[in-house]
Structure formats: structure tokens, C-alpha cells
Amino acid sequence: MRIRKLRPSPGVLIGTIALVFAFSGAAVAAKDKVQTNDIAKRAVTGPKIARDAVKSGKIVDGKVKAKDLAEGVIPAVPEQAYGRVNKSGATVSAAADAVGITGVSAGGPGVICYDLAFEPVSGTATVFGAGPAQPGSTVELVVSPGAGCAAPFTDAATLTKETSAGNPATDKDVYVDFIR
């Protein structure tokens, strides 16, 4: 009878085995980490990601496109038209490397009229001279000019003047830059 009292009951054996498995399972789980291959494709979706969990440091440069972002996140890039315009009397031509200038025409002495790829809101113009600065001429730029420019050259105009006399400078090349 004595041996029988030292023998554990079936409930104690099952409890001991359960404890051994419980402790060894926790040790094995703590040792392993979830790897990329452990996650099924498309298992992690937008609603499952915590708000503000993905920071810019976790995004590969160049992978997010403007179309992926909400409206207004990136300010609109202004359109631009620019280039050199050559004027010799009534002959006016945009240089071959001009961007966004679809056409030019003479609008009178010192006046160049522009047809642009868009309607500009502002711009700048500079008298173009070879070599060092050529004093003596100024350029006035007008967006949406009135009289003097015939369609379709009504997006903008420049008027070049001789500073000393205030007279139109008929043969001055200009460099223009328009933005929308």
C-alpha cells in the first residue's frame, strides 16, 4: 500500500505535462520573430495599419508619386514659359530652345506680342545683350495686353524702350519668363 500512496494521480500527471508544454511553448515563441515570409500577401491592409505608423524614414525615396497623395498635400507646380525672343525690325522669332512660347509677332516699334501655352499671371523680361551688360534699354512686360497685339498673340507683350530718350527700341532681343 505504501507504494500506491507515492504514485501521482492521473490529474497530477496531466497537469504537469500541460505546464511543461506551456512553459516550453512560451520560450519557443519568444525566441522567434515574425518574418516577412510569415505574412500572407495582402494580409496587411490600410485599415489594419495604425494611424501615423508609417513615417517618411520607412518609405523608400522615389516610391511615392504625387497621384498617391491627397489633393493639396503637394502645392501645384506653376507652369512656366521662357526663352529668348529675337527682334529685328518687324521680324520676330522665338529661339529654338524656348519653352511654352507657341508664337510671337511684332506689335509695333519695340513691341513683341506672345502666344503662350497657357494664360500667364505674371512674368519678367530682360533686354538680352551679348557680352557685358548693355545699359540704355529697359523692358516693360504686360500680361493680357490690350490694343496692338492681334489674335492669337494676346497672352502677353513686351515693350522695349531706350532709357535715355524714352523712345521705342525697335531691334532689341529680350529674354522672357512667364508663370501661371
N, C-alpha and C. Protein backbone atom coordinates (compact mmCIF):
# COMPACT_ATOMS: atom_id res chain seq x y z
N MET A 1 0.78 -1.18 0.00
CA MET A 1 0.00 0.00 0.00
C MET A 1 0.84 1.26 0.00
N ARG A 2 1.91 1.07 0.53
CA ARG A 2 2.77 2.22 0.66
C ARG A 2 3.18 2.76 -0.71
N ILE A 3 3.45 1.97 -1.67
CA ILE A 3 3.87 2.38 -2.99
C ILE A 3 2.73 3.13 -3.68
N ARG A 4 1.56 2.70 -3.42
CA ARG A 4 0.43 3.33 -4.05
C ARG A 4 0.28 4.79 -3.62
N LYS A 5 0.64 5.14 -2.44
CA LYS A 5 0.50 6.50 -1.96
C LYS A 5 1.52 7.43 -2.60
N LEU A 6 2.67 6.93 -3.04
CA LEU A 6 3.67 7.77 -3.67
C LEU A 6 3.42 7.98 -5.17
N ARG A 7 2.58 7.18 -5.74
CA ARG A 7 2.28 7.30 -7.16
C ARG A 7 1.35 8.50 -7.39
N PRO A 8 1.69 9.40 -8.40
CA PRO A 8 0.81 10.55 -8.64
C PRO A 8 -0.49 10.12 -9.31
N SER A 9 -1.49 10.89 -9.08
CA SER A 9 -2.78 10.59 -9.68
C SER A 9 -2.76 11.01 -11.16
N PRO A 10 -3.67 10.49 -11.99
CA PRO A 10 -3.71 10.88 -13.40
C PRO A 10 -3.90 12.38 -13.59
N GLY A 11 -4.62 13.07 -12.75
CA GLY A 11 -4.83 14.52 -12.87
C GLY A 11 -3.53 15.29 -12.65
N VAL A 12 -2.71 14.84 -11.71
CA VAL A 12 -1.45 15.50 -11.45
C VAL A 12 -0.51 15.30 -12.63
N LEU A 13 -0.49 14.10 -13.22
CA LEU A 13 0.35 13.84 -14.41
C LEU A 13 -0.06 14.74 -15.58
N ILE A 14 -1.32 14.83 -15.85
CA ILE A 14 -1.80 15.66 -16.96
C ILE A 14 -1.48 17.13 -16.69
N GLY A 15 -1.64 17.61 -15.48
CA GLY A 15 -1.32 18.99 -15.12
C GLY A 15 0.16 19.29 -15.28
N THR A 16 1.02 18.34 -14.88
CA THR A 16 2.47 18.52 -15.01
C THR A 16 2.87 18.58 -16.48
N ILE A 17 2.32 17.68 -17.27
CA ILE A 17 2.64 17.68 -18.72
C ILE A 17 2.15 18.99 -19.36
N ALA A 18 0.99 19.48 -18.99
CA ALA A 18 0.46 20.75 -19.54
C ALA A 18 1.36 21.92 -19.17
N LEU A 19 1.87 21.95 -17.95
CA LEU A 19 2.78 23.00 -17.54
C LEU A 19 4.08 22.97 -18.33
N VAL A 20 4.62 21.77 -18.56
CA VAL A 20 5.86 21.65 -19.34
C VAL A 20 5.65 22.18 -20.75
N PHE A 21 4.55 21.80 -21.37
CA PHE A 21 4.27 22.29 -22.72
C PHE A 21 4.02 23.80 -22.72
N ALA A 22 3.36 24.32 -21.73
CA ALA A 22 3.06 25.75 -21.67
C ALA A 22 4.34 26.57 -21.55
N PHE A 23 5.23 26.14 -20.66
CA PHE A 23 6.48 26.89 -20.49
C PHE A 23 7.41 26.75 -21.69
N SER A 24 7.48 25.58 -22.28
CA SER A 24 8.37 25.41 -23.45
C SER A 24 7.81 26.14 -24.66
N GLY A 25 6.49 26.21 -24.83
CA GLY A 25 5.89 26.94 -25.94
C GLY A 25 6.15 28.42 -25.86
N ALA A 26 6.11 29.00 -24.66
CA ALA A 26 6.38 30.42 -24.48
C ALA A 26 7.83 30.72 -24.80
N ALA A 27 8.72 29.83 -24.44
CA ALA A 27 10.14 30.04 -24.72
C ALA A 27 10.40 29.99 -26.21
N VAL A 28 9.76 29.09 -26.90
CA VAL A 28 9.95 28.98 -28.35
C VAL A 28 9.35 30.20 -29.04
N ALA A 29 8.18 30.68 -28.63
CA ALA A 29 7.55 31.83 -29.26
C ALA A 29 8.35 33.10 -29.02
N ALA A 30 8.95 33.25 -27.86
CA ALA A 30 9.73 34.45 -27.58
C ALA A 30 11.01 34.47 -28.39
N LYS A 31 11.52 33.32 -28.75
CA LYS A 31 12.77 33.24 -29.50
C LYS A 31 12.58 33.63 -30.96
N ASP A 32 11.44 33.32 -31.54
CA ASP A 32 11.19 33.58 -32.95
C ASP A 32 10.49 34.92 -33.14
N LYS A 33 10.80 35.57 -34.26
CA LYS A 33 10.12 36.82 -34.63
C LYS A 33 9.31 36.56 -35.89
N VAL A 34 8.31 37.38 -36.11
CA VAL A 34 7.53 37.29 -37.33
C VAL A 34 8.37 37.85 -38.46
N GLN A 35 8.57 37.07 -39.47
CA GLN A 35 9.36 37.47 -40.63
C GLN A 35 8.42 37.86 -41.77
N THR A 36 8.96 38.52 -42.79
CA THR A 36 8.16 38.94 -43.95
C THR A 36 7.47 37.75 -44.59
N ASN A 37 8.16 36.64 -44.70
CA ASN A 37 7.58 35.45 -45.35
C ASN A 37 6.46 34.82 -44.53
N ASP A 38 6.35 35.16 -43.23
CA ASP A 38 5.30 34.60 -42.39
C ASP A 38 3.95 35.28 -42.63
N ILE A 39 3.95 36.43 -43.32
CA ILE A 39 2.72 37.18 -43.55
C ILE A 39 2.23 36.90 -44.97
N ALA A 40 0.97 36.53 -45.07
CA ALA A 40 0.39 36.24 -46.38
C ALA A 40 0.30 37.52 -47.20
N LYS A 41 0.38 37.38 -48.52
CA LYS A 41 0.27 38.54 -49.40
C LYS A 41 -1.09 39.20 -49.19
N ARG A 42 -1.09 40.52 -49.16
CA ARG A 42 -2.28 41.35 -49.00
C ARG A 42 -2.98 41.14 -47.65
N ALA A 43 -2.26 40.58 -46.66
CA ALA A 43 -2.86 40.38 -45.33
C ALA A 43 -2.87 41.68 -44.54
N VAL A 44 -1.87 42.54 -44.76
CA VAL A 44 -1.82 43.82 -44.06
C VAL A 44 -2.37 44.88 -45.00
N THR A 45 -3.54 45.39 -44.65
CA THR A 45 -4.20 46.40 -45.48
C THR A 45 -4.21 47.73 -44.76
N GLY A 46 -4.58 48.77 -45.46
CA GLY A 46 -4.60 50.12 -44.88
C GLY A 46 -5.33 50.22 -43.55
N PRO A 47 -6.56 49.68 -43.43
CA PRO A 47 -7.27 49.78 -42.15
C PRO A 47 -6.56 49.07 -40.99
N LYS A 48 -5.69 48.10 -41.29
CA LYS A 48 -5.00 47.36 -40.23
C LYS A 48 -3.73 48.06 -39.75
N ILE A 49 -3.31 49.11 -40.43
CA ILE A 49 -2.11 49.85 -40.03
C ILE A 49 -2.53 51.00 -39.14
N ALA A 50 -1.86 51.13 -38.00
CA ALA A 50 -2.19 52.20 -37.05
C ALA A 50 -1.93 53.57 -37.68
N ARG A 51 -2.72 54.54 -37.30
CA ARG A 51 -2.57 55.91 -37.81
C ARG A 51 -1.17 56.42 -37.47
N ASP A 52 -0.52 57.05 -38.43
CA ASP A 52 0.83 57.61 -38.30
C ASP A 52 1.89 56.56 -37.99
N ALA A 53 1.63 55.28 -38.31
CA ALA A 53 2.62 54.23 -38.06
C ALA A 53 3.73 54.24 -39.10
N VAL A 54 3.44 54.66 -40.32
CA VAL A 54 4.45 54.68 -41.38
C VAL A 54 4.99 56.10 -41.50
N LYS A 55 6.24 56.27 -41.15
CA LYS A 55 6.90 57.58 -41.20
C LYS A 55 7.75 57.66 -42.47
N SER A 56 8.17 58.86 -42.82
CA SER A 56 8.92 59.07 -44.07
C SER A 56 10.22 58.27 -44.10
N GLY A 57 10.82 57.99 -42.95
CA GLY A 57 12.05 57.21 -42.92
C GLY A 57 11.84 55.76 -43.34
N LYS A 58 10.60 55.29 -43.29
CA LYS A 58 10.29 53.91 -43.67
C LYS A 58 9.88 53.78 -45.14
N ILE A 59 9.80 54.91 -45.85
CA ILE A 59 9.39 54.89 -47.25
C ILE A 59 10.62 55.07 -48.12
N VAL A 60 10.79 54.19 -49.09
CA VAL A 60 11.93 54.27 -50.00
C VAL A 60 11.79 55.53 -50.86
N ASP A 61 12.86 56.32 -50.96
CA ASP A 61 12.84 57.54 -51.77
C ASP A 61 12.41 57.23 -53.20
N GLY A 62 11.53 58.07 -53.72
CA GLY A 62 11.09 57.94 -55.11
C GLY A 62 9.95 56.96 -55.33
N LYS A 63 9.46 56.30 -54.29
CA LYS A 63 8.41 55.30 -54.46
C LYS A 63 7.00 55.87 -54.35
N VAL A 64 6.83 57.01 -53.67
CA VAL A 64 5.51 57.63 -53.55
C VAL A 64 5.39 58.68 -54.65
N LYS A 65 4.34 58.60 -55.41
CA LYS A 65 4.09 59.52 -56.51
C LYS A 65 3.05 60.56 -56.08
N ALA A 66 3.01 61.68 -56.76
CA ALA A 66 2.05 62.75 -56.45
C ALA A 66 0.61 62.23 -56.53
N LYS A 67 0.33 61.32 -57.46
CA LYS A 67 -1.03 60.80 -57.61
C LYS A 67 -1.44 59.94 -56.42
N ASP A 68 -0.47 59.45 -55.62
CA ASP A 68 -0.77 58.66 -54.43
C ASP A 68 -1.15 59.51 -53.23
N LEU A 69 -0.94 60.81 -53.31
CA LEU A 69 -1.17 61.70 -52.18
C LEU A 69 -2.50 62.43 -52.32
N ALA A 70 -3.02 62.88 -51.21
CA ALA A 70 -4.28 63.61 -51.20
C ALA A 70 -4.11 64.96 -51.87
N GLU A 71 -5.19 65.49 -52.39
CA GLU A 71 -5.21 66.80 -53.05
C GLU A 71 -4.72 67.86 -52.07
N GLY A 72 -3.81 68.71 -52.52
CA GLY A 72 -3.32 69.80 -51.70
C GLY A 72 -2.12 69.47 -50.82
N VAL A 73 -1.71 68.20 -50.77
CA VAL A 73 -0.54 67.83 -49.96
C VAL A 73 0.72 68.45 -50.55
N ILE A 74 0.81 68.38 -51.86
CA ILE A 74 1.94 69.00 -52.56
C ILE A 74 1.39 70.20 -53.31
N PRO A 75 1.97 71.37 -53.10
CA PRO A 75 1.46 72.54 -53.82
C PRO A 75 1.64 72.36 -55.32
N ALA A 76 0.73 72.93 -56.08
CA ALA A 76 0.80 72.83 -57.53
C ALA A 76 2.06 73.53 -58.04
N VAL A 77 2.72 72.88 -58.96
CA VAL A 77 3.91 73.46 -59.57
C VAL A 77 3.45 74.45 -60.63
N PRO A 78 3.90 75.67 -60.57
CA PRO A 78 3.44 76.64 -61.56
C PRO A 78 3.94 76.28 -62.96
N GLU A 79 3.08 76.53 -63.93
CA GLU A 79 3.52 76.34 -65.30
C GLU A 79 4.44 77.49 -65.65
N GLN A 80 5.36 77.24 -66.57
CA GLN A 80 6.34 78.25 -66.91
C GLN A 80 6.59 78.23 -68.41
N ALA A 81 6.74 79.41 -68.96
CA ALA A 81 7.15 79.59 -70.35
C ALA A 81 8.30 80.58 -70.33
N TYR A 82 9.37 80.26 -71.05
CA TYR A 82 10.54 81.14 -71.00
C TYR A 82 11.39 80.95 -72.26
N GLY A 83 12.26 81.91 -72.48
CA GLY A 83 13.20 81.80 -73.58
C GLY A 83 13.58 83.16 -74.15
N ARG A 84 14.49 83.10 -75.09
CA ARG A 84 14.96 84.31 -75.77
C ARG A 84 14.08 84.56 -76.98
N VAL A 85 13.75 85.83 -77.20
CA VAL A 85 12.98 86.22 -78.37
C VAL A 85 13.82 87.23 -79.13
N ASN A 86 14.06 86.94 -80.39
CA ASN A 86 14.89 87.79 -81.24
C ASN A 86 14.00 88.74 -82.03
N LYS A 87 14.38 90.03 -82.03
CA LYS A 87 13.61 91.03 -82.77
C LYS A 87 14.55 91.84 -83.64
N SER A 88 14.20 91.89 -84.89
CA SER A 88 14.95 92.70 -85.85
C SER A 88 13.92 93.41 -86.72
N GLY A 89 13.59 94.64 -86.34
CA GLY A 89 12.56 95.38 -87.07
C GLY A 89 11.21 94.70 -86.89
N ALA A 90 10.57 94.35 -88.01
CA ALA A 90 9.27 93.69 -87.96
C ALA A 90 9.41 92.17 -87.87
N THR A 91 10.64 91.65 -87.93
CA THR A 91 10.86 90.21 -87.84
C THR A 91 11.09 89.82 -86.39
N VAL A 92 10.26 88.91 -85.89
CA VAL A 92 10.35 88.44 -84.51
C VAL A 92 10.32 86.92 -84.53
N SER A 93 11.21 86.30 -83.73
CA SER A 93 11.20 84.84 -83.65
C SER A 93 11.68 84.40 -82.27
N ALA A 94 11.03 83.34 -81.77
CA ALA A 94 11.47 82.75 -80.50
C ALA A 94 12.64 81.84 -80.78
N ALA A 95 13.62 81.82 -79.88
CA ALA A 95 14.78 80.94 -80.05
C ALA A 95 14.31 79.48 -80.03
N ALA A 96 15.07 78.61 -80.65
CA ALA A 96 14.69 77.20 -80.79
C ALA A 96 14.51 76.51 -79.44
N ASP A 97 15.25 76.95 -78.42
CA ASP A 97 15.14 76.29 -77.12
C ASP A 97 14.13 76.95 -76.18
N ALA A 98 13.29 77.85 -76.70
CA ALA A 98 12.25 78.49 -75.88
C ALA A 98 11.22 77.44 -75.47
N VAL A 99 10.71 77.56 -74.25
CA VAL A 99 9.76 76.59 -73.71
C VAL A 99 8.42 77.28 -73.46
N GLY A 100 7.33 76.71 -73.97
CA GLY A 100 5.99 77.23 -73.71
C GLY A 100 5.60 78.45 -74.51
N ILE A 101 6.50 78.98 -75.33
CA ILE A 101 6.18 80.11 -76.20
C ILE A 101 5.78 79.52 -77.54
N THR A 102 4.47 79.54 -77.83
CA THR A 102 3.99 78.88 -79.05
C THR A 102 4.05 79.79 -80.27
N GLY A 103 4.18 81.10 -80.05
CA GLY A 103 4.30 82.01 -81.18
C GLY A 103 4.56 83.43 -80.72
N VAL A 104 5.19 84.21 -81.60
CA VAL A 104 5.47 85.62 -81.32
C VAL A 104 5.20 86.43 -82.58
N SER A 105 4.87 87.72 -82.40
CA SER A 105 4.70 88.60 -83.56
C SER A 105 5.06 90.02 -83.14
N ALA A 106 5.39 90.82 -84.15
CA ALA A 106 5.70 92.23 -83.89
C ALA A 106 4.38 92.98 -83.72
N GLY A 107 4.34 93.82 -82.67
CA GLY A 107 3.13 94.60 -82.41
C GLY A 107 3.37 96.08 -82.59
N GLY A 108 4.44 96.43 -83.28
CA GLY A 108 4.78 97.84 -83.47
C GLY A 108 6.21 98.06 -83.03
N PRO A 109 6.68 99.32 -83.11
CA PRO A 109 8.07 99.61 -82.72
C PRO A 109 8.34 99.21 -81.26
N GLY A 110 9.30 98.32 -81.06
CA GLY A 110 9.69 97.88 -79.72
C GLY A 110 8.75 96.91 -79.05
N VAL A 111 7.63 96.55 -79.69
CA VAL A 111 6.62 95.69 -79.06
C VAL A 111 6.71 94.27 -79.63
N ILE A 112 6.73 93.28 -78.71
CA ILE A 112 6.65 91.87 -79.10
C ILE A 112 5.41 91.30 -78.43
N CYS A 113 4.55 90.65 -79.22
CA CYS A 113 3.33 90.04 -78.71
C CYS A 113 3.54 88.53 -78.63
N TYR A 114 2.96 87.89 -77.59
CA TYR A 114 3.23 86.48 -77.32
C TYR A 114 1.95 85.64 -77.33
N ASP A 115 2.07 84.45 -77.91
CA ASP A 115 1.06 83.40 -77.80
C ASP A 115 1.75 82.32 -76.98
N LEU A 116 1.19 82.03 -75.79
CA LEU A 116 1.81 81.07 -74.88
C LEU A 116 0.97 79.81 -74.75
N ALA A 117 1.55 78.77 -74.18
CA ALA A 117 0.84 77.51 -73.97
C ALA A 117 -0.22 77.63 -72.87
N PHE A 118 -0.23 78.73 -72.14
CA PHE A 118 -1.20 78.98 -71.07
C PHE A 118 -1.36 80.48 -70.91
N GLU A 119 -2.34 80.88 -70.11
CA GLU A 119 -2.53 82.31 -69.85
C GLU A 119 -1.73 82.68 -68.60
N PRO A 120 -0.71 83.52 -68.72
CA PRO A 120 0.16 83.81 -67.58
C PRO A 120 -0.49 84.75 -66.56
N VAL A 121 0.02 84.67 -65.32
CA VAL A 121 -0.42 85.61 -64.28
C VAL A 121 0.66 86.64 -64.00
N SER A 122 1.91 86.32 -64.31
CA SER A 122 2.99 87.29 -64.14
C SER A 122 4.20 86.84 -64.95
N GLY A 123 5.21 87.67 -64.94
CA GLY A 123 6.42 87.34 -65.68
C GLY A 123 7.48 88.40 -65.53
N THR A 124 8.63 88.12 -66.13
CA THR A 124 9.72 89.08 -66.14
C THR A 124 10.31 89.13 -67.54
N ALA A 125 10.94 90.24 -67.86
CA ALA A 125 11.59 90.39 -69.16
C ALA A 125 12.87 91.19 -68.97
N THR A 126 13.89 90.80 -69.69
CA THR A 126 15.19 91.45 -69.61
C THR A 126 15.71 91.68 -71.02
N VAL A 127 16.32 92.83 -71.25
CA VAL A 127 16.95 93.08 -72.55
C VAL A 127 18.13 92.13 -72.67
N PHE A 128 18.19 91.43 -73.79
CA PHE A 128 19.25 90.46 -74.00
C PHE A 128 20.35 91.11 -74.81
N GLY A 129 21.55 91.11 -74.26
CA GLY A 129 22.70 91.68 -74.97
C GLY A 129 23.89 90.75 -74.85
N ALA A 130 24.64 90.60 -75.90
CA ALA A 130 25.84 89.77 -75.86
C ALA A 130 26.92 90.48 -75.06
N GLY A 131 27.72 89.71 -74.36
CA GLY A 131 28.83 90.28 -73.61
C GLY A 131 28.37 90.94 -72.34
N PRO A 132 29.10 91.97 -71.87
CA PRO A 132 28.72 92.63 -70.61
C PRO A 132 27.40 93.37 -70.75
N ALA A 133 26.84 93.75 -69.62
CA ALA A 133 25.54 94.43 -69.61
C ALA A 133 25.53 95.63 -70.55
N GLN A 134 24.45 95.76 -71.28
CA GLN A 134 24.28 96.84 -72.24
C GLN A 134 23.35 97.88 -71.64
N PRO A 135 23.87 98.92 -71.03
CA PRO A 135 22.98 99.93 -70.43
C PRO A 135 22.25 100.71 -71.53
N GLY A 136 21.12 101.24 -71.16
CA GLY A 136 20.43 102.12 -72.09
C GLY A 136 19.08 101.63 -72.54
N SER A 137 18.67 100.38 -72.21
CA SER A 137 17.36 99.89 -72.63
C SER A 137 16.65 99.24 -71.45
N THR A 138 15.34 99.41 -71.41
CA THR A 138 14.51 98.75 -70.40
C THR A 138 13.38 98.01 -71.11
N VAL A 139 12.81 97.03 -70.42
CA VAL A 139 11.70 96.25 -70.98
C VAL A 139 10.54 96.30 -70.01
N GLU A 140 9.37 96.57 -70.55
CA GLU A 140 8.14 96.54 -69.77
C GLU A 140 7.36 95.33 -70.23
N LEU A 141 6.92 94.49 -69.29
CA LEU A 141 6.15 93.30 -69.63
C LEU A 141 4.70 93.51 -69.23
N VAL A 142 3.78 93.20 -70.11
CA VAL A 142 2.35 93.36 -69.85
C VAL A 142 1.67 92.01 -70.07
N VAL A 143 0.97 91.54 -69.05
CA VAL A 143 0.18 90.31 -69.18
C VAL A 143 -1.19 90.71 -69.69
N SER A 144 -1.75 89.97 -70.64
CA SER A 144 -3.03 90.26 -71.28
C SER A 144 -3.06 91.68 -71.84
N PRO A 145 -2.24 91.95 -72.84
CA PRO A 145 -2.17 93.30 -73.39
C PRO A 145 -3.46 93.69 -74.10
N GLY A 146 -3.67 94.97 -74.19
CA GLY A 146 -4.85 95.48 -74.89
C GLY A 146 -4.57 95.62 -76.37
N ALA A 147 -4.72 96.82 -76.88
CA ALA A 147 -4.55 97.10 -78.31
C ALA A 147 -3.10 96.89 -78.74
N GLY A 148 -2.90 96.61 -80.00
CA GLY A 148 -1.56 96.48 -80.57
C GLY A 148 -1.16 95.05 -80.84
N CYS A 149 -1.77 94.09 -80.18
CA CYS A 149 -1.44 92.68 -80.41
C CYS A 149 -2.66 91.98 -80.99
N ALA A 150 -2.48 91.38 -82.16
CA ALA A 150 -3.58 90.70 -82.84
C ALA A 150 -3.63 89.23 -82.39
N ALA A 151 -4.84 88.67 -82.42
CA ALA A 151 -5.02 87.26 -82.05
C ALA A 151 -4.19 86.39 -82.99
N PRO A 152 -3.60 85.35 -82.54
CA PRO A 152 -3.68 84.74 -81.22
C PRO A 152 -2.59 85.22 -80.26
N PHE A 153 -1.89 86.27 -80.60
CA PHE A 153 -0.75 86.75 -79.81
C PHE A 153 -1.18 87.75 -78.74
N THR A 154 -2.15 87.35 -77.91
CA THR A 154 -2.70 88.28 -76.92
C THR A 154 -2.48 87.81 -75.48
N ASP A 155 -1.60 86.84 -75.26
CA ASP A 155 -1.35 86.37 -73.89
C ASP A 155 -0.46 87.34 -73.11
N ALA A 156 0.48 87.98 -73.79
CA ALA A 156 1.39 88.92 -73.12
C ALA A 156 2.09 89.75 -74.19
N ALA A 157 2.76 90.82 -73.74
CA ALA A 157 3.53 91.67 -74.65
C ALA A 157 4.70 92.28 -73.88
N THR A 158 5.75 92.57 -74.61
CA THR A 158 6.87 93.32 -74.03
C THR A 158 7.09 94.57 -74.87
N LEU A 159 7.46 95.64 -74.19
CA LEU A 159 7.77 96.91 -74.86
C LEU A 159 9.17 97.31 -74.42
N THR A 160 10.09 97.35 -75.36
CA THR A 160 11.47 97.73 -75.07
C THR A 160 11.64 99.21 -75.39
N LYS A 161 12.25 99.95 -74.45
CA LYS A 161 12.46 101.40 -74.63
C LYS A 161 13.93 101.74 -74.40
N GLU A 162 14.36 102.77 -75.10
CA GLU A 162 15.69 103.34 -74.85
C GLU A 162 15.54 104.23 -73.62
N THR A 163 16.33 104.01 -72.61
CA THR A 163 16.17 104.75 -71.36
C THR A 163 16.46 106.23 -71.52
N SER A 164 17.46 106.54 -72.26
CA SER A 164 17.86 107.95 -72.36
C SER A 164 16.80 108.81 -73.03
N ALA A 165 16.18 108.32 -74.10
CA ALA A 165 15.23 109.14 -74.84
C ALA A 165 13.78 108.75 -74.59
N GLY A 166 13.54 107.54 -74.02
CA GLY A 166 12.17 107.07 -73.80
C GLY A 166 11.50 106.62 -75.07
N ASN A 167 12.24 106.51 -76.17
CA ASN A 167 11.69 106.07 -77.45
C ASN A 167 11.71 104.54 -77.53
N PRO A 168 10.81 103.96 -78.34
CA PRO A 168 10.85 102.51 -78.52
C PRO A 168 12.19 102.08 -79.12
N ALA A 169 12.71 100.97 -78.63
CA ALA A 169 13.94 100.38 -79.17
C ALA A 169 13.51 99.24 -80.07
N THR A 170 13.56 99.47 -81.36
CA THR A 170 12.97 98.52 -82.31
C THR A 170 13.74 97.21 -82.46
N ASP A 171 15.03 97.20 -82.30
CA ASP A 171 15.79 95.98 -82.55
C ASP A 171 16.51 95.47 -81.31
N LYS A 172 15.76 95.15 -80.28
CA LYS A 172 16.34 94.60 -79.05
C LYS A 172 15.78 93.20 -78.80
N ASP A 173 16.66 92.24 -78.61
CA ASP A 173 16.24 90.90 -78.22
C ASP A 173 15.94 90.92 -76.73
N VAL A 174 14.98 90.09 -76.31
CA VAL A 174 14.62 90.03 -74.90
C VAL A 174 14.61 88.58 -74.43
N TYR A 175 14.82 88.41 -73.15
CA TYR A 175 14.66 87.11 -72.51
C TYR A 175 13.45 87.24 -71.60
N VAL A 176 12.45 86.35 -71.80
CA VAL A 176 11.21 86.44 -71.03
C VAL A 176 11.00 85.18 -70.21
N ASP A 177 10.26 85.35 -69.12
CA ASP A 177 9.89 84.22 -68.25
C ASP A 177 8.48 84.49 -67.73
N PHE A 178 7.53 83.62 -68.10
CA PHE A 178 6.12 83.77 -67.71
C PHE A 178 5.75 82.61 -66.80
N ILE A 179 4.87 82.87 -65.82
CA ILE A 179 4.38 81.81 -64.96
C ILE A 179 2.88 81.88 -64.80
N ARG A 180 2.30 80.73 -64.51
CA ARG A 180 0.87 80.67 -64.19
C ARG A 180 0.75 80.00 -62.85
